[in-house]
Amino acid sequence: MNIPDYVQLRDANFTLLAYFRVDRPEKAINKAGFESQLELIKKVIDEIPFGKLHPIELNTNE
C-alpha cells in the first residue's frame, strides 16, 4: 500500500492556503486562487526534495 505525498502551501505567517496530493494539485490550487501560477507551482513541487520546506514567491494580486 502506497501513501500519497501531500503538499502544503502556506503564507509568510504559515497560515495554510492549500493542501493537496502531489499527483492532483489543480483543484486545490485553483480554489486557493493561484490558477494562473499552476505551472510554476507544479515545477517547484517536481524539483524539491521530499520533506523539505521551500519558499516560493506567488503573486496574490491576480
N, C-alpha and C. Protein backbone atom coordinates (compact mmCIF):
# COMPACT_ATOMS: atom_id res chain seq x y z
N MET A 1 0.83 -1.17 0.00
CA MET A 1 0.00 0.00 0.00
C MET A 1 0.88 1.24 0.00
N ASN A 2 0.63 2.14 -0.94
CA ASN A 2 1.37 3.39 -1.02
C ASN A 2 0.58 4.51 -0.38
N ILE A 3 1.27 5.32 0.40
CA ILE A 3 0.67 6.51 0.98
C ILE A 3 1.06 7.68 0.09
N PRO A 4 0.09 8.44 -0.43
CA PRO A 4 0.43 9.52 -1.34
C PRO A 4 1.13 10.69 -0.64
N ASP A 5 1.95 11.40 -1.41
CA ASP A 5 2.63 12.59 -0.91
C ASP A 5 1.67 13.78 -0.99
N TYR A 6 1.75 14.65 -0.01
CA TYR A 6 0.93 15.85 0.03
C TYR A 6 1.82 17.08 0.10
N VAL A 7 1.27 18.20 -0.36
CA VAL A 7 1.96 19.49 -0.34
C VAL A 7 1.09 20.47 0.42
N GLN A 8 1.72 21.34 1.18
CA GLN A 8 1.03 22.43 1.84
C GLN A 8 1.57 23.74 1.28
N LEU A 9 0.68 24.63 0.87
CA LEU A 9 1.07 25.99 0.51
C LEU A 9 0.69 26.87 1.69
N ARG A 10 1.67 27.63 2.20
CA ARG A 10 1.45 28.49 3.36
C ARG A 10 1.97 29.89 3.06
N ASP A 11 1.40 30.88 3.73
CA ASP A 11 1.87 32.25 3.55
C ASP A 11 3.02 32.53 4.51
N ALA A 12 3.48 33.78 4.55
CA ALA A 12 4.63 34.16 5.38
C ALA A 12 4.38 33.92 6.87
N ASN A 13 3.12 33.91 7.29
CA ASN A 13 2.76 33.64 8.68
C ASN A 13 2.46 32.17 8.93
N PHE A 14 2.72 31.35 7.95
CA PHE A 14 2.48 29.90 7.98
C PHE A 14 1.01 29.55 8.07
N THR A 15 0.14 30.44 7.61
CA THR A 15 -1.28 30.14 7.50
C THR A 15 -1.47 29.22 6.30
N LEU A 16 -2.18 28.15 6.48
CA LEU A 16 -2.40 27.19 5.41
C LEU A 16 -3.29 27.79 4.32
N LEU A 17 -2.79 27.81 3.08
CA LEU A 17 -3.53 28.33 1.93
C LEU A 17 -4.12 27.21 1.09
N ALA A 18 -3.38 26.11 0.98
CA ALA A 18 -3.83 24.98 0.18
C ALA A 18 -3.11 23.72 0.65
N TYR A 19 -3.79 22.60 0.53
CA TYR A 19 -3.26 21.30 0.92
C TYR A 19 -3.74 20.31 -0.12
N PHE A 20 -2.82 19.61 -0.77
CA PHE A 20 -3.22 18.75 -1.88
C PHE A 20 -2.23 17.63 -2.12
N ARG A 21 -2.72 16.59 -2.80
CA ARG A 21 -1.84 15.49 -3.21
C ARG A 21 -0.96 15.97 -4.36
N VAL A 22 0.27 15.49 -4.37
CA VAL A 22 1.23 15.88 -5.41
C VAL A 22 0.72 15.51 -6.80
N ASP A 23 0.01 14.39 -6.91
CA ASP A 23 -0.44 13.95 -8.22
C ASP A 23 -1.76 14.60 -8.66
N ARG A 24 -2.38 15.42 -7.79
CA ARG A 24 -3.65 16.09 -8.14
C ARG A 24 -3.70 17.51 -7.56
N PRO A 25 -2.85 18.41 -8.01
CA PRO A 25 -2.81 19.74 -7.40
C PRO A 25 -3.82 20.74 -7.95
N GLU A 26 -4.36 20.52 -9.12
CA GLU A 26 -5.12 21.54 -9.84
C GLU A 26 -6.30 22.12 -9.05
N LYS A 27 -7.15 21.26 -8.52
CA LYS A 27 -8.36 21.73 -7.85
C LYS A 27 -8.03 22.61 -6.64
N ALA A 28 -7.11 22.18 -5.80
CA ALA A 28 -6.76 22.94 -4.59
C ALA A 28 -6.06 24.24 -4.94
N ILE A 29 -5.20 24.22 -5.95
CA ILE A 29 -4.51 25.44 -6.35
C ILE A 29 -5.50 26.44 -6.93
N ASN A 30 -6.42 25.98 -7.74
CA ASN A 30 -7.45 26.87 -8.29
C ASN A 30 -8.32 27.45 -7.18
N LYS A 31 -8.72 26.62 -6.23
CA LYS A 31 -9.56 27.06 -5.13
C LYS A 31 -8.85 28.11 -4.27
N ALA A 32 -7.53 28.01 -4.14
CA ALA A 32 -6.74 28.97 -3.36
C ALA A 32 -6.49 30.26 -4.14
N GLY A 33 -6.84 30.28 -5.43
CA GLY A 33 -6.69 31.49 -6.22
C GLY A 33 -5.37 31.62 -6.96
N PHE A 34 -4.65 30.52 -7.11
CA PHE A 34 -3.36 30.56 -7.78
C PHE A 34 -3.37 29.85 -9.13
N GLU A 35 -4.54 29.78 -9.78
CA GLU A 35 -4.65 29.04 -11.04
C GLU A 35 -3.71 29.57 -12.12
N SER A 36 -3.44 30.87 -12.12
CA SER A 36 -2.55 31.43 -13.14
C SER A 36 -1.09 31.03 -12.91
N GLN A 37 -0.79 30.50 -11.73
CA GLN A 37 0.57 30.11 -11.39
C GLN A 37 0.73 28.60 -11.21
N LEU A 38 -0.25 27.86 -11.73
CA LEU A 38 -0.27 26.41 -11.59
C LEU A 38 1.02 25.76 -12.10
N GLU A 39 1.46 26.14 -13.27
CA GLU A 39 2.65 25.50 -13.86
C GLU A 39 3.90 25.78 -13.02
N LEU A 40 4.04 26.99 -12.50
CA LEU A 40 5.18 27.32 -11.64
C LEU A 40 5.15 26.46 -10.38
N ILE A 41 4.00 26.35 -9.75
CA ILE A 41 3.87 25.56 -8.53
C ILE A 41 4.20 24.09 -8.81
N LYS A 42 3.67 23.55 -9.89
CA LYS A 42 3.95 22.16 -10.23
C LYS A 42 5.44 21.94 -10.50
N LYS A 43 6.08 22.89 -11.15
CA LYS A 43 7.52 22.79 -11.44
C LYS A 43 8.33 22.75 -10.14
N VAL A 44 8.01 23.63 -9.21
CA VAL A 44 8.72 23.65 -7.93
C VAL A 44 8.50 22.35 -7.18
N ILE A 45 7.28 21.86 -7.16
CA ILE A 45 6.98 20.59 -6.48
C ILE A 45 7.81 19.46 -7.06
N ASP A 46 7.97 19.42 -8.37
CA ASP A 46 8.73 18.36 -9.01
C ASP A 46 10.22 18.43 -8.68
N GLU A 47 10.71 19.63 -8.34
CA GLU A 47 12.15 19.83 -8.14
C GLU A 47 12.62 19.74 -6.69
N ILE A 48 11.73 19.96 -5.72
CA ILE A 48 12.20 19.98 -4.33
C ILE A 48 12.25 18.56 -3.76
N PRO A 49 13.22 18.33 -2.86
CA PRO A 49 13.32 17.01 -2.23
C PRO A 49 12.15 16.76 -1.28
N PHE A 50 11.81 15.51 -1.10
CA PHE A 50 10.72 15.12 -0.20
C PHE A 50 11.02 15.60 1.22
N GLY A 51 10.00 16.16 1.86
CA GLY A 51 10.11 16.54 3.26
C GLY A 51 10.78 17.87 3.54
N LYS A 52 11.09 18.62 2.52
CA LYS A 52 11.78 19.89 2.69
C LYS A 52 10.85 21.07 2.52
N LEU A 53 11.10 22.13 3.28
CA LEU A 53 10.40 23.39 3.09
C LEU A 53 11.09 24.15 1.98
N HIS A 54 10.32 24.82 1.16
CA HIS A 54 10.90 25.58 0.06
C HIS A 54 10.07 26.84 -0.16
N PRO A 55 10.71 28.01 -0.06
CA PRO A 55 9.95 29.25 -0.30
C PRO A 55 9.67 29.43 -1.79
N ILE A 56 8.51 29.96 -2.10
CA ILE A 56 8.16 30.27 -3.48
C ILE A 56 7.35 31.56 -3.45
N GLU A 57 7.72 32.49 -4.31
CA GLU A 57 7.03 33.77 -4.39
C GLU A 57 5.85 33.65 -5.35
N LEU A 58 4.65 33.82 -4.83
CA LEU A 58 3.45 33.77 -5.66
C LEU A 58 2.79 35.13 -5.64
N ASN A 59 2.32 35.55 -6.78
CA ASN A 59 1.63 36.82 -6.88
C ASN A 59 0.18 36.63 -6.42
N THR A 60 -0.17 37.26 -5.32
CA THR A 60 -1.51 37.10 -4.77
C THR A 60 -2.44 38.20 -5.26
N ASN A 61 -1.95 39.07 -6.15
CA ASN A 61 -2.77 40.18 -6.65
C ASN A 61 -3.46 39.86 -7.97
N GLU A 62 -3.41 38.64 -8.42
CA GLU A 62 -4.02 38.30 -9.71
C GLU A 62 -5.45 37.88 -9.54
